[in-house]
Amino acid sequence: MILVVGDINVDITAPLTAPPAEGEDCLSQKLSFQCGGVGLNAAMALARSGCPVRLVSCVGKDWFADFVLGRAAREGIEVSYVQRSPSVMTGLMFITISPNGQRTFFGSRGACAELRATERLHSWLDGVTVLEIAGYAFLTPSSSQCAGQLISKAKARGIWVAVDVGTGPSREIPEKLMQVAREVDTVFANATEAEALTGQPSAERAFAALEQAGAREVILKLGGEGCLVRDNGKLCGVPPFRVEVVDTTGAGDAFTAGFLAARQWGWSLRECALFANACGAAATTAMGAGERLPGITVIEELLESGRLTLDWDGVRRELIRCLRVRMAEAATSGSGGA
C-alpha cells in the first residue's frame, strides 16, 4: 500500500490559442472538467499502474467533493481517510493551456489547506510501505503539523518516505522544505523548484546543493530533457521519450507515481527513473490530468515505440519485459491499470 498525502481539486482546463492581454476577453474553443490536484493525480496514476493506494487530503461538503471522491473510488483508490470541511469549498483550479502544451493555474486550494491530524492518524499508515507527501501539505500550520507527525510515525515503522516539493511551496517556504528534505528518504523536484530551494541556477548545481543540505536521495525532473539521478555515486542523466505534447498538467505527478511504483516492484534505480520518464511523457499526450492520466497499456506502447542510445535501450527493453510480466499477473488476479 502506498499512502499519498496531497491536494484534491476539481480542474477546469481551457486550451488557448494565445495568452490574453490584461482586460481582454479570452475564449477557449473547448473546456474540460476533471479531477485534479497533486495528491489525486499521483494516486490515480498509481492505481492505474496496479498499486494499492490510499489517499489523505481534505475536501469540502459540496458537489465537487462528491464528484472527485466518486471518481477516485471507482479507480480503486482508498478514500475513507479523506476529510471533509463544512466551512471551505473543495479546491478548484482553472488551467489555461498554451499552444505548446504549457499550463498556467488560477484558483484556490480550498479545503486542502484545512487538512489536520486526528486521533486516527496512526491508522493511516496501517499496511503502508511507502508514504508520499506533496510539498503543498507544508504550506499551512494544520496540514504541516499533520505531515510532520506522519513522517515521524512512518520513520518509526521503517516506511520509505518521499516528498514531491511542488512549485508554489518551493518559492514560498524554501527553508521549511529544505528541513523536510533532510528528514525523508527521497526528494522529488523539478529544475525550477530545485533552483528556488537552493538558489543554484543549473540543474546539476541545484542537485548537488540538495545533497549537501542533507537530502539522502534526489530525483530531479527535467521535463522534456528526462531526469537526473545519482547512480553508483555518479550523476546520471536519464533520457526522455519524445512525444507530441498536448498538455503538461499532471506530468510531474505521473512521473513521481511511476518512480514510486517501480521502486515498489523492486526495480533498479535506472529502471525506476526511465519508467518515470515514460510515465511523465505519456501524461503530456492527453488534455487534462486526474482520470485522463494514462494507464500501463499506454505507457508500454510508448516504451515500445521509443528508441534510445545503446546504453539505455537495453534498460528500455527490460522495462517492456517486466511490464508484460506485471500485466499478465494483473490479468490473472483481476487487478491492474487500464
C-alpha atoms as a PDB file:
ATOM      1  CA  MET A   1       0.000   0.000   0.000  1.00  0.00           C
ATOM      2  CA  ILE A   2       1.250   3.481  -0.915  1.00  0.00           C
ATOM      3  CA  LEU A   3      -0.112   6.376   1.136  1.00  0.00           C
ATOM      4  CA  VAL A   4      -0.350   9.655  -0.777  1.00  0.00           C
ATOM      5  CA  VAL A   5      -0.889  12.906   1.142  1.00  0.00           C
ATOM      6  CA  GLY A   6      -1.689  15.802  -1.166  1.00  0.00           C
ATOM      7  CA  ASP A   7      -4.271  18.089  -2.708  1.00  0.00           C
ATOM      8  CA  ILE A   8      -7.556  17.041  -4.289  1.00  0.00           C
ATOM      9  CA  ASN A   9      -9.028  19.578  -6.706  1.00  0.00           C
ATOM     10  CA  VAL A  10     -11.531  19.913  -9.472  1.00  0.00           C
ATOM     11  CA  ASP A  11      -9.779  21.104 -12.649  1.00  0.00           C
ATOM     12  CA  ILE A  12     -11.366  23.126 -15.447  1.00  0.00           C
ATOM     13  CA  THR A  13      -8.983  23.055 -18.406  1.00  0.00           C
ATOM     14  CA  ALA A  14      -9.075  25.606 -21.226  1.00  0.00           C
ATOM     15  CA  PRO A  15      -6.805  25.385 -24.306  1.00  0.00           C
ATOM     16  CA  LEU A  16      -5.935  28.865 -25.623  1.00  0.00           C
ATOM     17  CA  THR A  17      -4.635  29.973 -28.998  1.00  0.00           C
ATOM     18  CA  ALA A  18      -2.651  32.791 -27.342  1.00  0.00           C
ATOM     19  CA  PRO A  19      -2.238  34.213 -23.835  1.00  0.00           C
ATOM     20  CA  PRO A  20      -4.676  37.061 -23.117  1.00  0.00           C
ATOM     21  CA  ALA A  21      -3.686  40.660 -22.525  1.00  0.00           C
ATOM     22  CA  GLU A  22      -4.892  42.292 -19.309  1.00  0.00           C
ATOM     23  CA  GLY A  23      -8.577  43.233 -19.539  1.00  0.00           C
ATOM     24  CA  GLU A  24      -9.115  41.258 -22.746  1.00  0.00           C
ATOM     25  CA  ASP A  25     -11.863  38.712 -23.368  1.00  0.00           C
ATOM     26  CA  CYS A  26     -10.328  35.299 -23.938  1.00  0.00           C
ATOM     27  CA  LEU A  27     -12.486  32.418 -25.147  1.00  0.00           C
ATOM     28  CA  SER A  28     -11.473  28.789 -25.347  1.00  0.00           C
ATOM     29  CA  GLN A  29     -12.811  26.536 -28.086  1.00  0.00           C
ATOM     30  CA  LYS A  30     -13.250  23.655 -25.638  1.00  0.00           C
ATOM     31  CA  LEU A  31     -13.420  23.353 -21.856  1.00  0.00           C
ATOM     32  CA  SER A  32     -12.883  20.070 -19.989  1.00  0.00           C
ATOM     33  CA  PHE A  33     -13.820  19.217 -16.436  1.00  0.00           C
ATOM     34  CA  GLN A  34     -11.981  16.546 -14.451  1.00  0.00           C
ATOM     35  CA  CYS A  35     -10.355  15.542 -11.184  1.00  0.00           C
ATOM     36  CA  GLY A  36      -7.015  17.068 -10.307  1.00  0.00           C
ATOM     37  CA  GLY A  37      -4.612  18.112  -7.586  1.00  0.00           C
ATOM     38  CA  VAL A  38      -1.126  16.765  -6.929  1.00  0.00           C
ATOM     39  CA  GLY A  39      -2.363  14.151  -4.475  1.00  0.00           C
ATOM     40  CA  LEU A  40      -5.207  12.804  -6.552  1.00  0.00           C
ATOM     41  CA  ASN A  41      -3.142  12.868  -9.763  1.00  0.00           C
ATOM     42  CA  ALA A  42      -0.410  10.762  -8.156  1.00  0.00           C
ATOM     43  CA  ALA A  43      -2.954   8.397  -6.605  1.00  0.00           C
ATOM     44  CA  MET A  44      -4.770   7.971  -9.941  1.00  0.00           C
ATOM     45  CA  ALA A  45      -1.522   7.183 -11.743  1.00  0.00           C
ATOM     46  CA  LEU A  46      -0.501   4.692  -9.059  1.00  0.00           C
ATOM     47  CA  ALA A  47      -3.880   2.949  -9.143  1.00  0.00           C
ATOM     48  CA  ARG A  48      -3.682   2.662 -12.933  1.00  0.00           C
ATOM     49  CA  SER A  49      -0.270   1.042 -12.542  1.00  0.00           C
ATOM     50  CA  GLY A  50      -1.856  -1.608 -10.350  1.00  0.00           C
ATOM     51  CA  CYS A  51      -0.564  -0.316  -6.999  1.00  0.00           C
ATOM     52  CA  PRO A  52      -2.847  -0.347  -3.945  1.00  0.00           C
ATOM     53  CA  VAL A  53      -3.091   3.289  -2.890  1.00  0.00           C
ATOM     54  CA  ARG A  54      -4.632   5.243  -0.022  1.00  0.00           C
ATOM     55  CA  LEU A  55      -5.251   8.983  -0.324  1.00  0.00           C
ATOM     56  CA  VAL A  56      -5.353  11.507   2.531  1.00  0.00           C
ATOM     57  CA  SER A  57      -6.498  15.075   1.901  1.00  0.00           C
ATOM     58  CA  CYS A  58      -9.360  17.437   2.728  1.00  0.00           C
ATOM     59  CA  VAL A  59     -12.331  18.466   0.568  1.00  0.00           C
ATOM     60  CA  GLY A  60     -15.481  20.474   1.149  1.00  0.00           C
ATOM     61  CA  LYS A  61     -19.001  19.244   1.769  1.00  0.00           C
ATOM     62  CA  ASP A  62     -20.159  20.050  -1.742  1.00  0.00           C
ATOM     63  CA  TRP A  63     -20.918  18.552  -5.145  1.00  0.00           C
ATOM     64  CA  PHE A  64     -17.303  18.962  -6.255  1.00  0.00           C
ATOM     65  CA  ALA A  65     -16.173  16.702  -3.404  1.00  0.00           C
ATOM     66  CA  ASP A  66     -18.782  14.066  -4.264  1.00  0.00           C
ATOM     67  CA  PHE A  67     -17.584  14.160  -7.873  1.00  0.00           C
ATOM     68  CA  VAL A  68     -13.864  13.741  -7.193  1.00  0.00           C
ATOM     69  CA  LEU A  69     -14.229  11.186  -4.408  1.00  0.00           C
ATOM     70  CA  GLY A  70     -16.612   9.131  -6.516  1.00  0.00           C
ATOM     71  CA  ARG A  71     -14.145   9.100  -9.423  1.00  0.00           C
ATOM     72  CA  ALA A  72     -11.272   8.216  -7.102  1.00  0.00           C
ATOM     73  CA  ALA A  73     -13.171   5.342  -5.514  1.00  0.00           C
ATOM     74  CA  ARG A  74     -14.052   3.934  -8.943  1.00  0.00           C
ATOM     75  CA  GLU A  75     -10.314   3.870  -9.728  1.00  0.00           C
ATOM     76  CA  GLY A  76      -9.804   1.676  -6.676  1.00  0.00           C
ATOM     77  CA  ILE A  77      -8.245   4.402  -4.514  1.00  0.00           C
ATOM     78  CA  GLU A  78      -8.990   4.130  -0.801  1.00  0.00           C
ATOM     79  CA  VAL A  79     -10.544   7.466   0.191  1.00  0.00           C
ATOM     80  CA  SER A  80     -12.009   6.639   3.608  1.00  0.00           C
ATOM     81  CA  TYR A  81      -9.467   8.898   5.358  1.00  0.00           C
ATOM     82  CA  VAL A  82     -10.185  11.968   3.210  1.00  0.00           C
ATOM     83  CA  GLN A  83     -11.510  14.716   5.481  1.00  0.00           C
ATOM     84  CA  ARG A  84     -14.459  16.987   4.655  1.00  0.00           C
ATOM     85  CA  SER A  85     -14.641  20.615   5.782  1.00  0.00           C
ATOM     86  CA  PRO A  86     -18.088  22.131   6.395  1.00  0.00           C
ATOM     87  CA  SER A  87     -16.799  25.686   6.025  1.00  0.00           C
ATOM     88  CA  VAL A  88     -14.490  25.686   2.964  1.00  0.00           C
ATOM     89  CA  MET A  89     -15.244  24.520  -0.568  1.00  0.00           C
ATOM     90  CA  THR A  90     -13.301  21.848  -2.418  1.00  0.00           C
ATOM     91  CA  GLY A  91     -10.189  23.123  -4.207  1.00  0.00           C
ATOM     92  CA  LEU A  92     -10.895  24.446  -7.695  1.00  0.00           C
ATOM     93  CA  MET A  93      -8.357  25.234 -10.414  1.00  0.00           C
ATOM     94  CA  PHE A  94      -8.852  26.901 -13.793  1.00  0.00           C
ATOM     95  CA  ILE A  95      -5.987  25.819 -16.039  1.00  0.00           C
ATOM     96  CA  THR A  96      -5.128  27.510 -19.307  1.00  0.00           C
ATOM     97  CA  ILE A  97      -3.130  25.509 -21.849  1.00  0.00           C
ATOM     98  CA  SER A  98      -0.904  27.351 -24.320  1.00  0.00           C
ATOM     99  CA  PRO A  99      -0.442  26.052 -27.901  1.00  0.00           C
ATOM    100  CA  ASN A 100       2.826  24.310 -26.888  1.00  0.00           C
ATOM    101  CA  GLY A 101       1.111  22.453 -24.048  1.00  0.00           C
ATOM    102  CA  GLN A 102       2.367  24.543 -21.107  1.00  0.00           C
ATOM    103  CA  ARG A 103      -0.178  25.176 -18.357  1.00  0.00           C
ATOM    104  CA  THR A 104      -0.965  28.145 -16.104  1.00  0.00           C
ATOM    105  CA  PHE A 105      -3.053  27.702 -12.955  1.00  0.00           C
ATOM    106  CA  PHE A 106      -5.628  30.079 -11.446  1.00  0.00           C
ATOM    107  CA  GLY A 107      -7.716  29.144  -8.441  1.00  0.00           C
ATOM    108  CA  SER A 108      -7.640  28.106  -4.816  1.00  0.00           C
ATOM    109  CA  ARG A 109      -6.565  25.022  -2.865  1.00  0.00           C
ATOM    110  CA  GLY A 110      -9.737  25.488  -0.846  1.00  0.00           C
ATOM    111  CA  ALA A 111     -10.300  22.791   1.762  1.00  0.00           C
ATOM    112  CA  CYS A 112      -6.915  21.178   1.036  1.00  0.00           C
ATOM    113  CA  ALA A 113      -5.373  23.766   3.354  1.00  0.00           C
ATOM    114  CA  GLU A 114      -7.609  22.521   6.194  1.00  0.00           C
ATOM    115  CA  LEU A 115      -6.085  19.014   6.464  1.00  0.00           C
ATOM    116  CA  ARG A 116      -5.360  18.244  10.100  1.00  0.00           C
ATOM    117  CA  ALA A 117      -4.055  15.427  12.287  1.00  0.00           C
ATOM    118  CA  THR A 118      -6.699  13.334  14.039  1.00  0.00           C
ATOM    119  CA  GLU A 119      -6.632  10.662  16.715  1.00  0.00           C
ATOM    120  CA  ARG A 120      -6.842   8.092  13.886  1.00  0.00           C
ATOM    121  CA  LEU A 121      -3.613   9.331  12.270  1.00  0.00           C
ATOM    122  CA  HIS A 122      -1.638   6.245  13.286  1.00  0.00           C
ATOM    123  CA  SER A 123      -4.109   4.040  11.385  1.00  0.00           C
ATOM    124  CA  TRP A 124      -3.489   5.961   8.149  1.00  0.00           C
ATOM    125  CA  LEU A 125      -0.156   4.085   7.981  1.00  0.00           C
ATOM    126  CA  ASP A 126      -1.554   0.597   8.571  1.00  0.00           C
ATOM    127  CA  GLY A 127      -0.331  -1.713   5.799  1.00  0.00           C
ATOM    128  CA  VAL A 128       1.660   1.116   4.178  1.00  0.00           C
ATOM    129  CA  THR A 129       5.152   0.534   2.747  1.00  0.00           C
ATOM    130  CA  VAL A 130       5.623   3.954   1.077  1.00  0.00           C
ATOM    131  CA  LEU A 131       4.492   7.415   2.206  1.00  0.00           C
ATOM    132  CA  GLU A 132       4.499  10.185  -0.413  1.00  0.00           C
ATOM    133  CA  ILE A 133       3.758  13.735   0.734  1.00  0.00           C
ATOM    134  CA  ALA A 134       3.244  16.709  -1.566  1.00  0.00           C
ATOM    135  CA  GLY A 135       5.091  19.888  -0.592  1.00  0.00           C
ATOM    136  CA  TYR A 136       1.781  21.761  -0.544  1.00  0.00           C
ATOM    137  CA  ALA A 137       0.946  19.954   2.706  1.00  0.00           C
ATOM    138  CA  PHE A 138       3.544  22.142   4.448  1.00  0.00           C
ATOM    139  CA  LEU A 139       2.009  25.481   3.402  1.00  0.00           C
ATOM    140  CA  THR A 140      -0.480  25.844   6.278  1.00  0.00           C
ATOM    141  CA  PRO A 141       0.036  25.207  10.007  1.00  0.00           C
ATOM    142  CA  SER A 142      -2.556  22.447  10.468  1.00  0.00           C
ATOM    143  CA  SER A 143      -1.569  20.410   7.407  1.00  0.00           C
ATOM    144  CA  SER A 144       2.147  20.960   8.107  1.00  0.00           C
ATOM    145  CA  GLN A 145       1.734  19.615  11.625  1.00  0.00           C
ATOM    146  CA  CYS A 146      -0.171  16.641  10.200  1.00  0.00           C
ATOM    147  CA  ALA A 147       2.544  15.940   7.621  1.00  0.00           C
ATOM    148  CA  GLY A 148       5.284  16.210  10.230  1.00  0.00           C
ATOM    149  CA  GLN A 149       3.558  13.691  12.505  1.00  0.00           C
ATOM    150  CA  LEU A 150       3.110  11.296   9.595  1.00  0.00           C
ATOM    151  CA  ILE A 151       6.794  11.486   8.674  1.00  0.00           C
ATOM    152  CA  SER A 152       7.806  10.798  12.279  1.00  0.00           C
ATOM    153  CA  LYS A 153       5.456   7.837  12.657  1.00  0.00           C
ATOM    154  CA  ALA A 154       6.407   6.453   9.239  1.00  0.00           C
ATOM    155  CA  LYS A 155      10.122   6.564  10.068  1.00  0.00           C
ATOM    156  CA  ALA A 156       9.433   4.774  13.359  1.00  0.00           C
ATOM    157  CA  ARG A 157       7.734   1.981  11.375  1.00  0.00           C
ATOM    158  CA  GLY A 158      10.501   1.746   8.782  1.00  0.00           C
ATOM    159  CA  ILE A 159       8.305   3.114   5.990  1.00  0.00           C
ATOM    160  CA  TRP A 160      10.070   4.704   2.997  1.00  0.00           C
ATOM    161  CA  VAL A 161       9.126   8.414   2.890  1.00  0.00           C
ATOM    162  CA  ALA A 162       9.235  10.678  -0.182  1.00  0.00           C
ATOM    163  CA  VAL A 163       8.346  14.339  -0.665  1.00  0.00           C
ATOM    164  CA  ASP A 164       7.433  15.925  -4.017  1.00  0.00           C
ATOM    165  CA  VAL A 165       8.194  19.548  -3.258  1.00  0.00           C
ATOM    166  CA  GLY A 166       5.974  21.472  -5.742  1.00  0.00           C
ATOM    167  CA  THR A 167       6.484  24.846  -7.400  1.00  0.00           C
ATOM    168  CA  GLY A 168       4.442  27.032  -5.030  1.00  0.00           C
ATOM    169  CA  PRO A 169       5.897  25.636  -1.798  1.00  0.00           C
ATOM    170  CA  SER A 170       9.452  25.797  -3.169  1.00  0.00           C
ATOM    171  CA  ARG A 171       9.048  29.534  -3.656  1.00  0.00           C
ATOM    172  CA  GLU A 172       7.011  30.289  -0.532  1.00  0.00           C
ATOM    173  CA  ILE A 173       8.589  28.048   2.129  1.00  0.00           C
ATOM    174  CA  PRO A 174      12.039  27.008   0.859  1.00  0.00           C
ATOM    175  CA  GLU A 175      13.579  26.842   4.355  1.00  0.00           C
ATOM    176  CA  LYS A 176      10.820  24.530   5.596  1.00  0.00           C
ATOM    177  CA  LEU A 177      11.165  22.226   2.598  1.00  0.00           C
ATOM    178  CA  MET A 178      14.937  22.067   2.980  1.00  0.00           C
ATOM    179  CA  GLN A 179      14.359  20.913   6.555  1.00  0.00           C
ATOM    180  CA  VAL A 180      11.873  18.292   5.328  1.00  0.00           C
ATOM    181  CA  ALA A 181      14.378  17.148   2.687  1.00  0.00           C
ATOM    182  CA  ARG A 182      16.768  16.142   5.473  1.00  0.00           C
ATOM    183  CA  GLU A 183      14.079  14.086   7.207  1.00  0.00           C
ATOM    184  CA  VAL A 184      12.796  11.960   4.309  1.00  0.00           C
ATOM    185  CA  ASP A 185      14.331   9.248   2.139  1.00  0.00           C
ATOM    186  CA  THR A 186      13.679  10.693  -1.337  1.00  0.00           C
ATOM    187  CA  VAL A 187      13.148  14.234  -2.633  1.00  0.00           C
ATOM    188  CA  PHE A 188      11.403  14.815  -5.973  1.00  0.00           C
ATOM    189  CA  ALA A 189      11.795  18.249  -7.562  1.00  0.00           C
ATOM    190  CA  ASN A 190      11.904  19.802 -10.998  1.00  0.00           C
ATOM    191  CA  ALA A 191      14.650  22.192 -12.098  1.00  0.00           C
ATOM    192  CA  THR A 192      12.639  25.334 -11.269  1.00  0.00           C
ATOM    193  CA  GLU A 193      11.804  24.022  -7.808  1.00  0.00           C
ATOM    194  CA  ALA A 194      15.376  22.935  -7.108  1.00  0.00           C
ATOM    195  CA  GLU A 195      16.661  26.383  -8.074  1.00  0.00           C
ATOM    196  CA  ALA A 196      14.090  28.059  -5.793  1.00  0.00           C
ATOM    197  CA  LEU A 197      15.136  25.809  -2.903  1.00  0.00           C
ATOM    198  CA  THR A 198      18.891  26.139  -3.316  1.00  0.00           C
ATOM    199  CA  GLY A 199      19.491  29.378  -5.217  1.00  0.00           C
ATOM    200  CA  GLN A 200      21.599  27.438  -7.718  1.00  0.00           C
ATOM    201  CA  PRO A 201      20.863  28.300 -11.384  1.00  0.00           C
ATOM    202  CA  SER A 202      21.791  24.983 -13.020  1.00  0.00           C
ATOM    203  CA  ALA A 203      20.179  21.580 -12.518  1.00  0.00           C
ATOM    204  CA  GLU A 204      23.489  19.920 -11.690  1.00  0.00           C
ATOM    205  CA  ARG A 205      24.482  22.512  -9.103  1.00  0.00           C
ATOM    206  CA  ALA A 206      20.996  22.516  -7.547  1.00  0.00           C
ATOM    207  CA  PHE A 207      21.115  18.708  -7.357  1.00  0.00           C
ATOM    208  CA  ALA A 208      24.451  18.864  -5.538  1.00  0.00           C
ATOM    209  CA  ALA A 209      23.194  21.597  -3.207  1.00  0.00           C
ATOM    210  CA  LEU A 210      20.197  19.474  -2.174  1.00  0.00           C
ATOM    211  CA  GLU A 211      22.519  16.582  -1.399  1.00  0.00           C
ATOM    212  CA  GLN A 212      24.895  18.825   0.546  1.00  0.00           C
ATOM    213  CA  ALA A 213      21.927  20.111   2.557  1.00  0.00           C
ATOM    214  CA  GLY A 214      21.238  16.547   3.718  1.00  0.00           C
ATOM    215  CA  ALA A 215      18.843  15.014   1.178  1.00  0.00           C
ATOM    216  CA  ARG A 216      19.545  11.256   1.051  1.00  0.00           C
ATOM    217  CA  GLU A 217      18.227  10.696  -2.488  1.00  0.00           C
ATOM    218  CA  VAL A 218      17.338  13.363  -5.054  1.00  0.00           C
ATOM    219  CA  ILE A 219      15.299  12.724  -8.199  1.00  0.00           C
ATOM    220  CA  LEU A 220      15.418  15.838 -10.367  1.00  0.00           C
ATOM    221  CA  LYS A 221      12.756  16.110 -13.075  1.00  0.00           C
ATOM    222  CA  LEU A 222      13.837  17.865 -16.257  1.00  0.00           C
ATOM    223  CA  GLY A 223      10.590  17.634 -18.261  1.00  0.00           C
ATOM    224  CA  GLY A 224      11.361  17.111 -21.929  1.00  0.00           C
ATOM    225  CA  GLU A 225      15.032  16.504 -21.073  1.00  0.00           C
ATOM    226  CA  GLY A 226      14.407  13.483 -18.831  1.00  0.00           C
ATOM    227  CA  CYS A 227      15.701  13.466 -15.261  1.00  0.00           C
ATOM    228  CA  LEU A 228      18.822  13.399 -13.125  1.00  0.00           C
ATOM    229  CA  VAL A 229      19.664  10.748 -10.516  1.00  0.00           C
ATOM    230  CA  ARG A 230      22.821   9.675  -8.715  1.00  0.00           C
ATOM    231  CA  ASP A 231      23.623   6.096  -9.659  1.00  0.00           C
ATOM    232  CA  ASN A 232      26.582   4.307  -8.059  1.00  0.00           C
ATOM    233  CA  GLY A 233      27.991   7.618  -6.913  1.00  0.00           C
ATOM    234  CA  LYS A 234      27.821   9.320 -10.326  1.00  0.00           C
ATOM    235  CA  LEU A 235      25.350  11.953 -11.515  1.00  0.00           C
ATOM    236  CA  CYS A 236      23.363  10.275 -14.273  1.00  0.00           C
ATOM    237  CA  GLY A 237      21.179  11.892 -16.931  1.00  0.00           C
ATOM    238  CA  VAL A 238      18.244   9.628 -17.768  1.00  0.00           C
ATOM    239  CA  PRO A 239      16.970  10.198 -21.330  1.00  0.00           C
ATOM    240  CA  PRO A 240      13.444  11.399 -22.181  1.00  0.00           C
ATOM    241  CA  PHE A 241      10.854   9.924 -24.514  1.00  0.00           C
ATOM    242  CA  ARG A 242       9.924  12.256 -27.357  1.00  0.00           C
ATOM    243  CA  VAL A 243       6.175  12.793 -27.716  1.00  0.00           C
ATOM    244  CA  GLU A 244       3.808  15.362 -29.193  1.00  0.00           C
ATOM    245  CA  VAL A 245       2.930  17.443 -26.133  1.00  0.00           C
ATOM    246  CA  VAL A 246      -0.748  18.335 -25.718  1.00  0.00           C
ATOM    247  CA  ASP A 247      -0.883  19.348 -22.044  1.00  0.00           C
ATOM    248  CA  THR A 248       1.790  19.153 -19.334  1.00  0.00           C
ATOM    249  CA  THR A 249      -0.749  19.231 -16.476  1.00  0.00           C
ATOM    250  CA  GLY A 250      -0.104  16.301 -14.130  1.00  0.00           C
ATOM    251  CA  ALA A 251       3.041  15.137 -15.925  1.00  0.00           C
ATOM    252  CA  GLY A 252       5.213  15.691 -12.874  1.00  0.00           C
ATOM    253  CA  ASP A 253       2.724  13.823 -10.683  1.00  0.00           C
ATOM    254  CA  ALA A 254       2.672  10.928 -13.163  1.00  0.00           C
ATOM    255  CA  PHE A 255       6.489  10.887 -13.118  1.00  0.00           C
ATOM    256  CA  THR A 256       6.567  10.652  -9.313  1.00  0.00           C
ATOM    257  CA  ALA A 257       3.907   7.932  -9.307  1.00  0.00           C
ATOM    258  CA  GLY A 258       5.826   5.945 -11.917  1.00  0.00           C
ATOM    259  CA  PHE A 259       9.018   6.096  -9.886  1.00  0.00           C
ATOM    260  CA  LEU A 260       7.202   5.094  -6.675  1.00  0.00           C
ATOM    261  CA  ALA A 261       5.505   2.173  -8.402  1.00  0.00           C
ATOM    262  CA  ALA A 262       8.730   0.894  -9.955  1.00  0.00           C
ATOM    263  CA  ARG A 263      10.566   1.179  -6.637  1.00  0.00           C
ATOM    264  CA  GLN A 264       7.759  -0.829  -5.026  1.00  0.00           C
ATOM    265  CA  TRP A 265       8.254  -3.514  -7.666  1.00  0.00           C
ATOM    266  CA  GLY A 266      11.919  -3.835  -6.762  1.00  0.00           C
ATOM    267  CA  TRP A 267      13.357  -2.356  -9.957  1.00  0.00           C
ATOM    268  CA  SER A 268      16.815  -0.794 -10.149  1.00  0.00           C
ATOM    269  CA  LEU A 269      17.313   2.971  -9.877  1.00  0.00           C
ATOM    270  CA  ARG A 270      17.953   3.291 -13.627  1.00  0.00           C
ATOM    271  CA  GLU A 271      14.802   1.292 -14.398  1.00  0.00           C
ATOM    272  CA  CYS A 272      12.728   3.364 -11.945  1.00  0.00           C
ATOM    273  CA  ALA A 273      13.959   6.616 -13.469  1.00  0.00           C
ATOM    274  CA  LEU A 274      13.452   5.582 -17.087  1.00  0.00           C
ATOM    275  CA  PHE A 275       9.974   4.252 -16.311  1.00  0.00           C
ATOM    276  CA  ALA A 276       9.144   7.532 -14.540  1.00  0.00           C
ATOM    277  CA  ASN A 277      10.251   9.438 -17.658  1.00  0.00           C
ATOM    278  CA  ALA A 278       7.914   7.292 -19.757  1.00  0.00           C
ATOM    279  CA  CYS A 279       5.011   7.905 -17.357  1.00  0.00           C
ATOM    280  CA  GLY A 280       5.585  11.663 -17.371  1.00  0.00           C
ATOM    281  CA  ALA A 281       5.889  11.792 -21.161  1.00  0.00           C
ATOM    282  CA  ALA A 282       2.733   9.721 -21.680  1.00  0.00           C
ATOM    283  CA  ALA A 283       0.819  12.078 -19.387  1.00  0.00           C
ATOM    284  CA  THR A 284       1.562  15.035 -21.698  1.00  0.00           C
ATOM    285  CA  THR A 285      -0.158  13.419 -24.683  1.00  0.00           C
ATOM    286  CA  ALA A 286      -3.711  13.916 -23.355  1.00  0.00           C
ATOM    287  CA  MET A 287      -5.640  17.026 -22.304  1.00  0.00           C
ATOM    288  CA  GLY A 288      -6.114  17.200 -18.536  1.00  0.00           C
ATOM    289  CA  ALA A 289      -4.873  15.142 -15.609  1.00  0.00           C
ATOM    290  CA  GLY A 290      -6.734  13.072 -12.995  1.00  0.00           C
ATOM    291  CA  GLU A 291      -8.781  10.408 -14.731  1.00  0.00           C
ATOM    292  CA  ARG A 292      -7.212  11.464 -18.057  1.00  0.00           C
ATOM    293  CA  LEU A 293      -3.781  10.155 -16.984  1.00  0.00           C
ATOM    294  CA  PRO A 294      -2.598   7.099 -18.924  1.00  0.00           C
ATOM    295  CA  GLY A 295      -2.608   3.524 -17.677  1.00  0.00           C
ATOM    296  CA  ILE A 296       0.003   0.803 -18.036  1.00  0.00           C
ATOM    297  CA  THR A 297      -1.032  -0.150 -21.581  1.00  0.00           C
ATOM    298  CA  VAL A 298      -0.376   3.359 -22.925  1.00  0.00           C
ATOM    299  CA  ILE A 299       2.952   3.549 -21.124  1.00  0.00           C
ATOM    300  CA  GLU A 300       4.003   0.172 -22.509  1.00  0.00           C
ATOM    301  CA  GLU A 301       3.158   1.361 -26.044  1.00  0.00           C
ATOM    302  CA  LEU A 302       5.340   4.433 -25.529  1.00  0.00           C
ATOM    303  CA  LEU A 303       8.212   2.263 -24.306  1.00  0.00           C
ATOM    304  CA  GLU A 304       7.831   0.014 -27.347  1.00  0.00           C
ATOM    305  CA  SER A 305       7.871   2.907 -29.807  1.00  0.00           C
ATOM    306  CA  GLY A 306      10.772   4.743 -28.192  1.00  0.00           C
ATOM    307  CA  ARG A 307      14.362   4.325 -29.302  1.00  0.00           C
ATOM    308  CA  LEU A 308      17.222   5.330 -27.041  1.00  0.00           C
ATOM    309  CA  THR A 309      21.001   5.304 -27.122  1.00  0.00           C
ATOM    310  CA  LEU A 310      22.732   1.952 -26.846  1.00  0.00           C
ATOM    311  CA  ASP A 311      23.405   2.463 -23.123  1.00  0.00           C
ATOM    312  CA  TRP A 312      19.723   2.932 -22.364  1.00  0.00           C
ATOM    313  CA  ASP A 313      17.944   0.848 -24.976  1.00  0.00           C
ATOM    314  CA  GLY A 314      18.693  -2.325 -23.048  1.00  0.00           C
ATOM    315  CA  VAL A 315      17.047  -0.780 -19.991  1.00  0.00           C
ATOM    316  CA  ARG A 316      14.031   0.162 -22.134  1.00  0.00           C
ATOM    317  CA  ARG A 317      13.677  -3.406 -23.418  1.00  0.00           C
ATOM    318  CA  GLU A 318      13.944  -4.785 -19.889  1.00  0.00           C
ATOM    319  CA  LEU A 319      11.171  -2.415 -18.779  1.00  0.00           C
ATOM    320  CA  ILE A 320       8.915  -3.754 -21.522  1.00  0.00           C
ATOM    321  CA  ARG A 321       9.600  -7.331 -20.426  1.00  0.00           C
ATOM    322  CA  CYS A 322       8.920  -6.516 -16.770  1.00  0.00           C
ATOM    323  CA  LEU A 323       5.720  -4.634 -17.603  1.00  0.00           C
ATOM    324  CA  ARG A 324       4.401  -7.523 -19.656  1.00  0.00           C
ATOM    325  CA  VAL A 325       5.004  -9.859 -16.747  1.00  0.00           C
ATOM    326  CA  ARG A 326       3.171  -7.499 -14.416  1.00  0.00           C
ATOM    327  CA  MET A 327       0.272  -7.055 -16.854  1.00  0.00           C
ATOM    328  CA  ALA A 328      -0.073 -10.817 -17.201  1.00  0.00           C
ATOM    329  CA  GLU A 329      -0.108 -11.208 -13.432  1.00  0.00           C
ATOM    330  CA  ALA A 330      -2.666  -8.412 -13.110  1.00  0.00           C
ATOM    331  CA  ALA A 331      -4.903 -10.012 -15.734  1.00  0.00           C
ATOM    332  CA  THR A 332      -4.773 -13.317 -13.838  1.00  0.00           C
ATOM    333  CA  SER A 333      -5.573 -11.698 -10.500  1.00  0.00           C
ATOM    334  CA  GLY A 334      -8.144  -9.274 -11.919  1.00  0.00           C
ATOM    335  CA  SER A 335      -6.251  -6.147 -10.803  1.00  0.00           C
ATOM    336  CA  GLY A 336      -4.016  -3.640 -12.571  1.00  0.00           C
ATOM    337  CA  GLY A 337      -4.155  -0.457 -14.610  1.00  0.00           C
ATOM    338  CA  ALA A 338      -6.096   0.357 -17.742  1.00  0.00           C
END
